[in-house]
């Protein structure tokens, strides 16, 4: 099952969308936020309680390899670990380069953001 996603320019819209997902029965364990700016991700996660894609998701081997990678490489690696194809991960990472935030939902057939 491919992850579902939406790209956001605005943190308020991101927060509203996460609330909508939860109200529609999406589990917190299936909601992730990705962005280039770590501080931005931390703030968004704190405000919304969304997950990060960490060692518990990627596994210790991938997390260790990511220590030596650029931020873009780390993001693409994390996206691949949760089910994105390489080409889609590259495309989405380019959007994150522009300062956007990616909201990802896993383990769901249908998602309404």
PDB file of N, CA and C in Angstrom:
ATOM      1  N   UNK A   1       0.843  -1.175   0.000  1.00  0.00           N
ATOM      2  CA  UNK A   1       0.000   0.000   0.000  1.00  0.00           C
ATOM      3  C   UNK A   1       0.892   1.242   0.000  1.00  0.00           C
ATOM      4  N   UNK A   2       0.707   2.092  -0.973  1.00  0.00           N
ATOM      5  CA  UNK A   2       1.508   3.308  -1.086  1.00  0.00           C
ATOM      6  C   UNK A   2       1.065   4.344  -0.065  1.00  0.00           C
ATOM      7  N   UNK A   3       2.026   5.081   0.492  1.00  0.00           N
ATOM      8  CA  UNK A   3       1.653   6.150   1.413  1.00  0.00           C
ATOM      9  C   UNK A   3       0.888   7.247   0.677  1.00  0.00           C
ATOM     10  N   UNK A   4       0.011   7.907   1.390  1.00  0.00           N
ATOM     11  CA  UNK A   4      -0.723   9.056   0.857  1.00  0.00           C
ATOM     12  C   UNK A   4      -0.031  10.303   1.389  1.00  0.00           C
ATOM     13  N   UNK A   5      -0.083  11.398   0.633  1.00  0.00           N
ATOM     14  CA  UNK A   5       0.632  12.590   1.069  1.00  0.00           C
ATOM     15  C   UNK A   5      -0.019  13.853   0.545  1.00  0.00           C
ATOM     16  N   UNK A   6       0.340  14.942   1.191  1.00  0.00           N
ATOM     17  CA  UNK A   6      -0.051  16.266   0.723  1.00  0.00           C
ATOM     18  C   UNK A   6       1.072  17.217   1.112  1.00  0.00           C
ATOM     19  N   UNK A   7       1.347  18.170   0.240  1.00  0.00           N
ATOM     20  CA  UNK A   7       2.391  19.166   0.478  1.00  0.00           C
ATOM     21  C   UNK A   7       1.733  20.452   0.974  1.00  0.00           C
ATOM     22  N   UNK A   8       2.336  21.032   2.010  1.00  0.00           N
ATOM     23  CA  UNK A   8       1.784  22.247   2.612  1.00  0.00           C
ATOM     24  C   UNK A   8       2.775  23.398   2.563  1.00  0.00           C
ATOM     25  N   UNK A   9       2.220  24.604   2.400  1.00  0.00           N
ATOM     26  CA  UNK A   9       3.000  25.838   2.448  1.00  0.00           C
ATOM     27  C   UNK A   9       2.745  26.556   3.770  1.00  0.00           C
ATOM     28  N   UNK A  10       1.681  26.165   4.454  1.00  0.00           N
ATOM     29  CA  UNK A  10       1.176  26.904   5.594  1.00  0.00           C
ATOM     30  C   UNK A  10       0.986  25.957   6.779  1.00  0.00           C
ATOM     31  N   UNK A  11       1.583  26.297   7.927  1.00  0.00           N
ATOM     32  CA  UNK A  11       1.495  25.438   9.109  1.00  0.00           C
ATOM     33  C   UNK A  11       0.078  25.332   9.665  1.00  0.00           C
ATOM     34  N   UNK A  12      -0.689  26.390   9.534  1.00  0.00           N
ATOM     35  CA  UNK A  12      -2.058  26.352  10.034  1.00  0.00           C
ATOM     36  C   UNK A  12      -2.888  25.349   9.235  1.00  0.00           C
ATOM     37  N   UNK A  13      -2.729  25.347   7.921  1.00  0.00           N
ATOM     38  CA  UNK A  13      -3.445  24.376   7.084  1.00  0.00           C
ATOM     39  C   UNK A  13      -2.972  22.951   7.379  1.00  0.00           C
ATOM     40  N   UNK A  14      -1.680  22.798   7.647  1.00  0.00           N
ATOM     41  CA  UNK A  14      -1.130  21.487   8.013  1.00  0.00           C
ATOM     42  C   UNK A  14      -1.807  20.984   9.286  1.00  0.00           C
ATOM     43  N   UNK A  15      -1.879  21.822  10.295  1.00  0.00           N
ATOM     44  CA  UNK A  15      -2.491  21.450  11.568  1.00  0.00           C
ATOM     45  C   UNK A  15      -3.969  21.103  11.395  1.00  0.00           C
ATOM     46  N   UNK A  16      -4.681  21.883  10.604  1.00  0.00           N
ATOM     47  CA  UNK A  16      -6.101  21.616  10.336  1.00  0.00           C
ATOM     48  C   UNK A  16      -6.273  20.269   9.631  1.00  0.00           C
ATOM     49  N   UNK A  17      -5.380  19.968   8.706  1.00  0.00           N
ATOM     50  CA  UNK A  17      -5.470  18.712   7.971  1.00  0.00           C
ATOM     51  C   UNK A  17      -5.206  17.518   8.895  1.00  0.00           C
ATOM     52  N   UNK A  18      -4.250  17.664   9.796  1.00  0.00           N
ATOM     53  CA  UNK A  18      -3.967  16.579  10.753  1.00  0.00           C
ATOM     54  C   UNK A  18      -5.170  16.357  11.665  1.00  0.00           C
ATOM     55  N   UNK A  19      -5.789  17.434  12.120  1.00  0.00           N
ATOM     56  CA  UNK A  19      -7.005  17.299  12.935  1.00  0.00           C
ATOM     57  C   UNK A  19      -8.095  16.565  12.167  1.00  0.00           C
ATOM     58  N   UNK A  20      -8.255  16.902  10.891  1.00  0.00           N
ATOM     59  CA  UNK A  20      -9.259  16.253  10.052  1.00  0.00           C
ATOM     60  C   UNK A  20      -8.959  14.756   9.908  1.00  0.00           C
ATOM     61  N   UNK A  21      -7.678  14.424   9.702  1.00  0.00           N
ATOM     62  CA  UNK A  21      -7.295  13.013   9.590  1.00  0.00           C
ATOM     63  C   UNK A  21      -7.674  12.250  10.856  1.00  0.00           C
ATOM     64  N   UNK A  22      -7.341  12.823  11.990  1.00  0.00           N
ATOM     65  CA  UNK A  22      -7.663  12.171  13.273  1.00  0.00           C
ATOM     66  C   UNK A  22      -9.171  12.024  13.453  1.00  0.00           C
ATOM     67  N   UNK A  23      -9.909  13.053  13.089  1.00  0.00           N
ATOM     68  CA  UNK A  23     -11.369  12.988  13.206  1.00  0.00           C
ATOM     69  C   UNK A  23     -11.964  11.934  12.284  1.00  0.00           C
ATOM     70  N   UNK A  24     -11.247  11.603  11.207  1.00  0.00           N
ATOM     71  CA  UNK A  24     -11.691  10.563  10.273  1.00  0.00           C
ATOM     72  C   UNK A  24     -11.156   9.187  10.639  1.00  0.00           C
ATOM     73  N   UNK A  25     -10.565   9.063  11.824  1.00  0.00           N
ATOM     74  CA  UNK A  25     -10.148   7.759  12.326  1.00  0.00           C
ATOM     75  C   UNK A  25      -8.741   7.326  11.976  1.00  0.00           C
ATOM     76  N   UNK A  26      -7.926   8.207  11.415  1.00  0.00           N
ATOM     77  CA  UNK A  26      -6.536   7.845  11.108  1.00  0.00           C
ATOM     78  C   UNK A  26      -5.748   7.818  12.418  1.00  0.00           C
ATOM     79  N   UNK A  27      -5.038   6.732  12.629  1.00  0.00           N
ATOM     80  CA  UNK A  27      -4.242   6.581  13.859  1.00  0.00           C
ATOM     81  C   UNK A  27      -3.030   7.497  13.833  1.00  0.00           C
ATOM     82  N   UNK A  28      -2.650   8.006  14.992  1.00  0.00           N
ATOM     83  CA  UNK A  28      -1.474   8.864  15.111  1.00  0.00           C
ATOM     84  C   UNK A  28      -0.212   8.167  14.607  1.00  0.00           C
ATOM     85  N   UNK A  29      -0.139   6.847  14.795  1.00  0.00           N
ATOM     86  CA  UNK A  29       1.040   6.085  14.358  1.00  0.00           C
ATOM     87  C   UNK A  29       1.222   6.090  12.849  1.00  0.00           C
ATOM     88  N   UNK A  30       0.196   6.499  12.112  1.00  0.00           N
ATOM     89  CA  UNK A  30       0.251   6.500  10.648  1.00  0.00           C
ATOM     90  C   UNK A  30       0.421   7.895  10.053  1.00  0.00           C
ATOM     91  N   UNK A  31       0.634   8.911  10.910  1.00  0.00           N
ATOM     92  CA  UNK A  31       0.749  10.300  10.452  1.00  0.00           C
ATOM     93  C   UNK A  31       2.178  10.790  10.674  1.00  0.00           C
ATOM     94  N   UNK A  32       2.805  11.284   9.595  1.00  0.00           N
ATOM     95  CA  UNK A  32       4.196  11.753   9.652  1.00  0.00           C
ATOM     96  C   UNK A  32       4.335  13.123   8.991  1.00  0.00           C
ATOM     97  N   UNK A  33       5.307  13.898   9.480  1.00  0.00           N
ATOM     98  CA  UNK A  33       5.653  15.190   8.900  1.00  0.00           C
ATOM     99  C   UNK A  33       7.115  15.155   8.497  1.00  0.00           C
ATOM    100  N   UNK A  34       7.416  15.660   7.294  1.00  0.00           N
ATOM    101  CA  UNK A  34       8.795  15.787   6.820  1.00  0.00           C
ATOM    102  C   UNK A  34       9.030  17.186   6.275  1.00  0.00           C
ATOM    103  N   UNK A  35      10.205  17.740   6.559  1.00  0.00           N
ATOM    104  CA  UNK A  35      10.617  19.035   6.020  1.00  0.00           C
ATOM    105  C   UNK A  35      12.134  19.112   6.097  1.00  0.00           C
ATOM    106  N   UNK A  36      12.713  20.041   5.359  1.00  0.00           N
ATOM    107  CA  UNK A  36      14.168  20.216   5.397  1.00  0.00           C
ATOM    108  C   UNK A  36      14.636  20.843   6.703  1.00  0.00           C
ATOM    109  N   UNK A  37      13.854  21.748   7.232  1.00  0.00           N
ATOM    110  CA  UNK A  37      14.226  22.491   8.427  1.00  0.00           C
ATOM    111  C   UNK A  37      13.846  21.693   9.676  1.00  0.00           C
ATOM    112  N   UNK A  38      14.847  21.175  10.393  1.00  0.00           N
ATOM    113  CA  UNK A  38      14.586  20.363  11.584  1.00  0.00           C
ATOM    114  C   UNK A  38      13.800  21.122  12.649  1.00  0.00           C
ATOM    115  N   UNK A  39      14.107  22.410  12.843  1.00  0.00           N
ATOM    116  CA  UNK A  39      13.376  23.199  13.833  1.00  0.00           C
ATOM    117  C   UNK A  39      11.906  23.327  13.452  1.00  0.00           C
ATOM    118  N   UNK A  40      11.655  23.499  12.162  1.00  0.00           N
ATOM    119  CA  UNK A  40      10.283  23.584  11.665  1.00  0.00           C
ATOM    120  C   UNK A  40       9.541  22.278  11.960  1.00  0.00           C
ATOM    121  N   UNK A  41      10.178  21.157  11.689  1.00  0.00           N
ATOM    122  CA  UNK A  41       9.557  19.855  11.931  1.00  0.00           C
ATOM    123  C   UNK A  41       9.283  19.686  13.423  1.00  0.00           C
ATOM    124  N   UNK A  42      10.257  20.055  14.263  1.00  0.00           N
ATOM    125  CA  UNK A  42      10.060  19.937  15.711  1.00  0.00           C
ATOM    126  C   UNK A  42       8.860  20.763  16.178  1.00  0.00           C
ATOM    127  N   UNK A  43       8.755  21.991  15.706  1.00  0.00           N
ATOM    128  CA  UNK A  43       7.620  22.842  16.086  1.00  0.00           C
ATOM    129  C   UNK A  43       6.306  22.228  15.619  1.00  0.00           C
ATOM    130  N   UNK A  44       6.259  21.791  14.360  1.00  0.00           N
ATOM    131  CA  UNK A  44       5.038  21.191  13.825  1.00  0.00           C
ATOM    132  C   UNK A  44       4.654  19.929  14.589  1.00  0.00           C
ATOM    133  N   UNK A  45       5.649  19.090  14.885  1.00  0.00           N
ATOM    134  CA  UNK A  45       5.361  17.858  15.613  1.00  0.00           C
ATOM    135  C   UNK A  45       4.866  18.161  17.019  1.00  0.00           C
ATOM    136  N   UNK A  46       5.458  19.162  17.655  1.00  0.00           N
ATOM    137  CA  UNK A  46       5.036  19.535  19.007  1.00  0.00           C
ATOM    138  C   UNK A  46       3.600  20.048  18.999  1.00  0.00           C
ATOM    139  N   UNK A  47       3.256  20.856  18.010  1.00  0.00           N
ATOM    140  CA  UNK A  47       1.913  21.432  17.927  1.00  0.00           C
ATOM    141  C   UNK A  47       0.856  20.418  17.514  1.00  0.00           C
ATOM    142  N   UNK A  48       1.235  19.422  16.716  1.00  0.00           N
ATOM    143  CA  UNK A  48       0.249  18.493  16.164  1.00  0.00           C
ATOM    144  C   UNK A  48       0.361  17.071  16.704  1.00  0.00           C
ATOM    145  N   UNK A  49       1.435  16.757  17.416  1.00  0.00           N
ATOM    146  CA  UNK A  49       1.708  15.405  17.904  1.00  0.00           C
ATOM    147  C   UNK A  49       1.906  14.395  16.778  1.00  0.00           C
ATOM    148  N   UNK A  50       2.281  14.856  15.586  1.00  0.00           N
ATOM    149  CA  UNK A  50       2.565  13.940  14.475  1.00  0.00           C
ATOM    150  C   UNK A  50       3.891  13.235  14.739  1.00  0.00           C
ATOM    151  N   UNK A  51       4.138  12.177  14.013  1.00  0.00           N
ATOM    152  CA  UNK A  51       5.344  11.371  14.196  1.00  0.00           C
ATOM    153  C   UNK A  51       6.498  11.846  13.339  1.00  0.00           C
ATOM    154  N   UNK A  52       7.690  11.471  13.756  1.00  0.00           N
ATOM    155  CA  UNK A  52       8.858  11.620  12.909  1.00  0.00           C
ATOM    156  C   UNK A  52       9.228  10.234  12.424  1.00  0.00           C
ATOM    157  N   UNK A  53       9.952  10.193  11.336  1.00  0.00           N
ATOM    158  CA  UNK A  53      10.399   8.907  10.813  1.00  0.00           C
ATOM    159  C   UNK A  53      11.777   8.663  11.402  1.00  0.00           C
ATOM    160  N   UNK A  54      11.818   7.956  12.517  1.00  0.00           N
ATOM    161  CA  UNK A  54      13.056   7.725  13.249  1.00  0.00           C
ATOM    162  C   UNK A  54      13.501   6.285  13.185  1.00  0.00           C
ATOM    163  N   UNK A  55      14.366   5.913  14.105  1.00  0.00           N
ATOM    164  CA  UNK A  55      14.957   4.574  14.140  1.00  0.00           C
ATOM    165  C   UNK A  55      13.887   3.495  14.242  1.00  0.00           C
ATOM    166  N   UNK A  56      12.815   3.765  14.997  1.00  0.00           N
ATOM    167  CA  UNK A  56      11.771   2.754  15.142  1.00  0.00           C
ATOM    168  C   UNK A  56      11.080   2.444  13.816  1.00  0.00           C
ATOM    169  N   UNK A  57      11.139   3.364  12.860  1.00  0.00           N
ATOM    170  CA  UNK A  57      10.530   3.156  11.542  1.00  0.00           C
ATOM    171  C   UNK A  57      11.567   2.645  10.545  1.00  0.00           C
ATOM    172  N   UNK A  58      12.731   3.292  10.501  1.00  0.00           N
ATOM    173  CA  UNK A  58      13.728   2.956   9.483  1.00  0.00           C
ATOM    174  C   UNK A  58      14.602   1.773   9.861  1.00  0.00           C
ATOM    175  N   UNK A  59      14.729   1.503  11.144  1.00  0.00           N
ATOM    176  CA  UNK A  59      15.636   0.469  11.600  1.00  0.00           C
ATOM    177  C   UNK A  59      17.004   1.068  11.894  1.00  0.00           C
ATOM    178  N   UNK A  60      17.761   0.396  12.707  1.00  0.00           N
ATOM    179  CA  UNK A  60      19.057   0.900  13.148  1.00  0.00           C
ATOM    180  C   UNK A  60      20.048   1.028  11.999  1.00  0.00           C
ATOM    181  N   UNK A  61      20.043   0.093  11.060  1.00  0.00           N
ATOM    182  CA  UNK A  61      20.984   0.137   9.934  1.00  0.00           C
ATOM    183  C   UNK A  61      20.814   1.382   9.084  1.00  0.00           C
ATOM    184  N   UNK A  62      19.586   1.689   8.711  1.00  0.00           N
ATOM    185  CA  UNK A  62      19.318   2.880   7.903  1.00  0.00           C
ATOM    186  C   UNK A  62      19.616   4.142   8.695  1.00  0.00           C
ATOM    187  N   UNK A  63      19.244   4.159   9.963  1.00  0.00           N
ATOM    188  CA  UNK A  63      19.498   5.339  10.796  1.00  0.00           C
ATOM    189  C   UNK A  63      20.996   5.603  10.915  1.00  0.00           C
ATOM    190  N   UNK A  64      21.784   4.554  11.054  1.00  0.00           N
ATOM    191  CA  UNK A  64      23.237   4.707  11.148  1.00  0.00           C
ATOM    192  C   UNK A  64      23.808   5.233   9.836  1.00  0.00           C
ATOM    193  N   UNK A  65      23.347   4.709   8.719  1.00  0.00           N
ATOM    194  CA  UNK A  65      23.812   5.186   7.412  1.00  0.00           C
ATOM    195  C   UNK A  65      23.440   6.653   7.203  1.00  0.00           C
ATOM    196  N   UNK A  66      22.270   7.041   7.688  1.00  0.00           N
ATOM    197  CA  UNK A  66      21.800   8.409   7.494  1.00  0.00           C
ATOM    198  C   UNK A  66      22.671   9.446   8.202  1.00  0.00           C
ATOM    199  N   UNK A  67      23.411   9.028   9.211  1.00  0.00           N
ATOM    200  CA  UNK A  67      24.289   9.960   9.929  1.00  0.00           C
ATOM    201  C   UNK A  67      25.290  10.598   8.974  1.00  0.00           C
ATOM    202  N   UNK A  68      25.700   9.863   7.957  1.00  0.00           N
ATOM    203  CA  UNK A  68      26.737  10.323   7.043  1.00  0.00           C
ATOM    204  C   UNK A  68      26.187  10.895   5.739  1.00  0.00           C
ATOM    205  N   UNK A  69      24.880  11.064   5.653  1.00  0.00           N
ATOM    206  CA  UNK A  69      24.257  11.549   4.422  1.00  0.00           C
ATOM    207  C   UNK A  69      23.866  13.015   4.547  1.00  0.00           C
ATOM    208  N   UNK A  70      23.677  13.655   3.387  1.00  0.00           N
ATOM    209  CA  UNK A  70      23.164  15.025   3.371  1.00  0.00           C
ATOM    210  C   UNK A  70      21.699  15.011   3.800  1.00  0.00           C
ATOM    211  N   UNK A  71      21.159  16.176   4.117  1.00  0.00           N
ATOM    212  CA  UNK A  71      19.760  16.272   4.546  1.00  0.00           C
ATOM    213  C   UNK A  71      18.818  15.727   3.466  1.00  0.00           C
ATOM    214  N   UNK A  72      19.060  16.078   2.206  1.00  0.00           N
ATOM    215  CA  UNK A  72      18.220  15.584   1.116  1.00  0.00           C
ATOM    216  C   UNK A  72      18.273  14.072   0.998  1.00  0.00           C
ATOM    217  N   UNK A  73      19.475  13.513   1.119  1.00  0.00           N
ATOM    218  CA  UNK A  73      19.627  12.053   1.058  1.00  0.00           C
ATOM    219  C   UNK A  73      18.886  11.384   2.211  1.00  0.00           C
ATOM    220  N   UNK A  74      18.961  11.974   3.399  1.00  0.00           N
ATOM    221  CA  UNK A  74      18.262  11.421   4.566  1.00  0.00           C
ATOM    222  C   UNK A  74      16.756  11.417   4.344  1.00  0.00           C
ATOM    223  N   UNK A  75      16.245  12.530   3.839  1.00  0.00           N
ATOM    224  CA  UNK A  75      14.803  12.615   3.604  1.00  0.00           C
ATOM    225  C   UNK A  75      14.344  11.591   2.573  1.00  0.00           C
ATOM    226  N   UNK A  76      15.086  11.463   1.478  1.00  0.00           N
ATOM    227  CA  UNK A  76      14.719  10.479   0.451  1.00  0.00           C
ATOM    228  C   UNK A  76      14.787   9.061   1.024  1.00  0.00           C
ATOM    229  N   UNK A  77      15.788   8.780   1.835  1.00  0.00           N
ATOM    230  CA  UNK A  77      15.924   7.474   2.463  1.00  0.00           C
ATOM    231  C   UNK A  77      14.732   7.180   3.371  1.00  0.00           C
ATOM    232  N   UNK A  78      14.340   8.160   4.157  1.00  0.00           N
ATOM    233  CA  UNK A  78      13.196   7.982   5.052  1.00  0.00           C
ATOM    234  C   UNK A  78      11.911   7.752   4.253  1.00  0.00           C
ATOM    235  N   UNK A  79      11.747   8.503   3.170  1.00  0.00           N
ATOM    236  CA  UNK A  79      10.554   8.323   2.337  1.00  0.00           C
ATOM    237  C   UNK A  79      10.506   6.922   1.741  1.00  0.00           C
ATOM    238  N   UNK A  80      11.645   6.421   1.299  1.00  0.00           N
ATOM    239  CA  UNK A  80      11.693   5.067   0.745  1.00  0.00           C
ATOM    240  C   UNK A  80      11.341   4.038   1.819  1.00  0.00           C
ATOM    241  N   UNK A  81      11.791   4.252   3.056  1.00  0.00           N
ATOM    242  CA  UNK A  81      11.522   3.313   4.147  1.00  0.00           C
ATOM    243  C   UNK A  81      10.030   3.199   4.457  1.00  0.00           C
ATOM    244  N   UNK A  82       9.268   4.274   4.233  1.00  0.00           N
ATOM    245  CA  UNK A  82       7.835   4.201   4.521  1.00  0.00           C
ATOM    246  C   UNK A  82       6.999   3.887   3.286  1.00  0.00           C
ATOM    247  N   UNK A  83       7.665   3.595   2.161  1.00  0.00           N
ATOM    248  CA  UNK A  83       6.927   3.059   1.021  1.00  0.00           C
ATOM    249  C   UNK A  83       6.931   3.843  -0.272  1.00  0.00           C
ATOM    250  N   UNK A  84       7.626   4.976  -0.335  1.00  0.00           N
ATOM    251  CA  UNK A  84       7.675   5.725  -1.591  1.00  0.00           C
ATOM    252  C   UNK A  84       8.696   5.110  -2.543  1.00  0.00           C
ATOM    253  N   UNK A  85       8.380   5.137  -3.830  1.00  0.00           N
ATOM    254  CA  UNK A  85       9.342   4.741  -4.860  1.00  0.00           C
ATOM    255  C   UNK A  85      10.451   5.791  -4.913  1.00  0.00           C
ATOM    256  N   UNK A  86      11.622   5.411  -5.391  1.00  0.00           N
ATOM    257  CA  UNK A  86      12.770   6.321  -5.471  1.00  0.00           C
ATOM    258  C   UNK A  86      12.429   7.594  -6.248  1.00  0.00           C
ATOM    259  N   UNK A  87      11.790   7.456  -7.394  1.00  0.00           N
ATOM    260  CA  UNK A  87      11.487   8.628  -8.216  1.00  0.00           C
ATOM    261  C   UNK A  87      10.518   9.578  -7.512  1.00  0.00           C
ATOM    262  N   UNK A  88       9.537   9.036  -6.802  1.00  0.00           N
ATOM    263  CA  UNK A  88       8.587   9.871  -6.066  1.00  0.00           C
ATOM    264  C   UNK A  88       9.288  10.553  -4.897  1.00  0.00           C
ATOM    265  N   UNK A  89      10.165   9.839  -4.211  1.00  0.00           N
ATOM    266  CA  UNK A  89      10.916  10.419  -3.100  1.00  0.00           C
ATOM    267  C   UNK A  89      11.767  11.591  -3.588  1.00  0.00           C
ATOM    268  N   UNK A  90      12.380  11.439  -4.758  1.00  0.00           N
ATOM    269  CA  UNK A  90      13.194  12.516  -5.327  1.00  0.00           C
ATOM    270  C   UNK A  90      12.331  13.731  -5.662  1.00  0.00           C
ATOM    271  N   UNK A  91      11.178  13.476  -6.251  1.00  0.00           N
ATOM    272  CA  UNK A  91      10.258  14.563  -6.615  1.00  0.00           C
ATOM    273  C   UNK A  91       9.781  15.308  -5.369  1.00  0.00           C
ATOM    274  N   UNK A  92       9.398  14.565  -4.352  1.00  0.00           N
ATOM    275  CA  UNK A  92       8.908  15.198  -3.124  1.00  0.00           C
ATOM    276  C   UNK A  92      10.018  15.947  -2.393  1.00  0.00           C
ATOM    277  N   UNK A  93      11.210  15.418  -2.411  1.00  0.00           N
ATOM    278  CA  UNK A  93      12.334  16.084  -1.747  1.00  0.00           C
ATOM    279  C   UNK A  93      12.625  17.422  -2.405  1.00  0.00           C
ATOM    280  N   UNK A  94      12.434  17.512  -3.718  1.00  0.00           N
ATOM    281  CA  UNK A  94      12.605  18.789  -4.422  1.00  0.00           C
ATOM    282  C   UNK A  94      11.605  19.828  -3.913  1.00  0.00           C
ATOM    283  N   UNK A  95      10.392  19.394  -3.594  1.00  0.00           N
ATOM    284  CA  UNK A  95       9.402  20.306  -3.035  1.00  0.00           C
ATOM    285  C   UNK A  95       9.819  20.759  -1.631  1.00  0.00           C
ATOM    286  N   UNK A  96      10.384  19.855  -0.870  1.00  0.00           N
ATOM    287  CA  UNK A  96      10.855  20.213   0.468  1.00  0.00           C
ATOM    288  C   UNK A  96      12.012  21.203   0.384  1.00  0.00           C
ATOM    289  N   UNK A  97      12.810  21.116  -0.685  1.00  0.00           N
ATOM    290  CA  UNK A  97      13.892  22.086  -0.912  1.00  0.00           C
ATOM    291  C   UNK A  97      13.362  23.512  -0.984  1.00  0.00           C
ATOM    292  N   UNK A  98      12.115  23.655  -1.382  1.00  0.00           N
ATOM    293  CA  UNK A  98      11.499  24.974  -1.551  1.00  0.00           C
ATOM    294  C   UNK A  98      10.881  25.492  -0.253  1.00  0.00           C
ATOM    295  N   UNK A  99      11.118  24.779   0.851  1.00  0.00           N
ATOM    296  CA  UNK A  99      10.612  25.218   2.143  1.00  0.00           C
ATOM    297  C   UNK A  99       9.232  24.697   2.494  1.00  0.00           C
ATOM    298  N   UNK A 100       8.737  23.751   1.725  1.00  0.00           N
ATOM    299  CA  UNK A 100       7.410  23.198   1.978  1.00  0.00           C
ATOM    300  C   UNK A 100       7.498  22.064   3.000  1.00  0.00           C
ATOM    301  N   UNK A 101       6.343  21.678   3.521  1.00  0.00           N
ATOM    302  CA  UNK A 101       6.245  20.595   4.495  1.00  0.00           C
ATOM    303  C   UNK A 101       5.407  19.473   3.894  1.00  0.00           C
ATOM    304  N   UNK A 102       5.827  18.248   4.129  1.00  0.00           N
ATOM    305  CA  UNK A 102       5.145  17.077   3.597  1.00  0.00           C
ATOM    306  C   UNK A 102       4.420  16.358   4.725  1.00  0.00           C
ATOM    307  N   UNK A 103       3.135  16.144   4.541  1.00  0.00           N
ATOM    308  CA  UNK A 103       2.327  15.353   5.464  1.00  0.00           C
ATOM    309  C   UNK A 103       2.101  14.003   4.809  1.00  0.00           C
ATOM    310  N   UNK A 104       2.449  12.930   5.518  1.00  0.00           N
ATOM    311  CA  UNK A 104       2.346  11.578   4.971  1.00  0.00           C
ATOM    312  C   UNK A 104       1.465  10.733   5.881  1.00  0.00           C
ATOM    313  N   UNK A 105       0.612   9.927   5.252  1.00  0.00           N
ATOM    314  CA  UNK A 105      -0.214   8.969   5.974  1.00  0.00           C
ATOM    315  C   UNK A 105       0.090   7.588   5.412  1.00  0.00           C
ATOM    316  N   UNK A 106       0.409   6.651   6.289  1.00  0.00           N
ATOM    317  CA  UNK A 106       0.716   5.284   5.875  1.00  0.00           C
ATOM    318  C   UNK A 106      -0.412   4.342   6.308  1.00  0.00           C
ATOM    319  N   UNK A 107      -0.415   3.156   5.730  1.00  0.00           N
ATOM    320  CA  UNK A 107      -1.327   2.073   6.109  1.00  0.00           C
ATOM    321  C   UNK A 107      -2.808   2.412   5.929  1.00  0.00           C
ATOM    322  N   UNK A 108      -3.130   3.237   4.946  1.00  0.00           N
ATOM    323  CA  UNK A 108      -4.515   3.621   4.700  1.00  0.00           C
ATOM    324  C   UNK A 108      -4.816   3.527   3.209  1.00  0.00           C
ATOM    325  N   UNK A 109      -5.995   2.995   2.874  1.00  0.00           N
ATOM    326  CA  UNK A 109      -6.405   2.916   1.481  1.00  0.00           C
ATOM    327  C   UNK A 109      -6.887   4.259   0.961  1.00  0.00           C
ATOM    328  N   UNK A 110      -7.703   4.931   1.754  1.00  0.00           N
ATOM    329  CA  UNK A 110      -8.266   6.214   1.346  1.00  0.00           C
ATOM    330  C   UNK A 110      -8.001   7.241   2.425  1.00  0.00           C
ATOM    331  N   UNK A 111      -7.578   8.427   1.993  1.00  0.00           N
ATOM    332  CA  UNK A 111      -7.294   9.496   2.933  1.00  0.00           C
ATOM    333  C   UNK A 111      -7.874  10.789   2.379  1.00  0.00           C
ATOM    334  N   UNK A 112      -8.548  11.534   3.225  1.00  0.00           N
ATOM    335  CA  UNK A 112      -9.055  12.859   2.851  1.00  0.00           C
ATOM    336  C   UNK A 112      -8.346  13.878   3.719  1.00  0.00           C
ATOM    337  N   UNK A 113      -7.473  14.658   3.079  1.00  0.00           N
ATOM    338  CA  UNK A 113      -6.700  15.659   3.796  1.00  0.00           C
ATOM    339  C   UNK A 113      -7.544  16.884   4.026  1.00  0.00           C
TER     340      UNK A 113
END
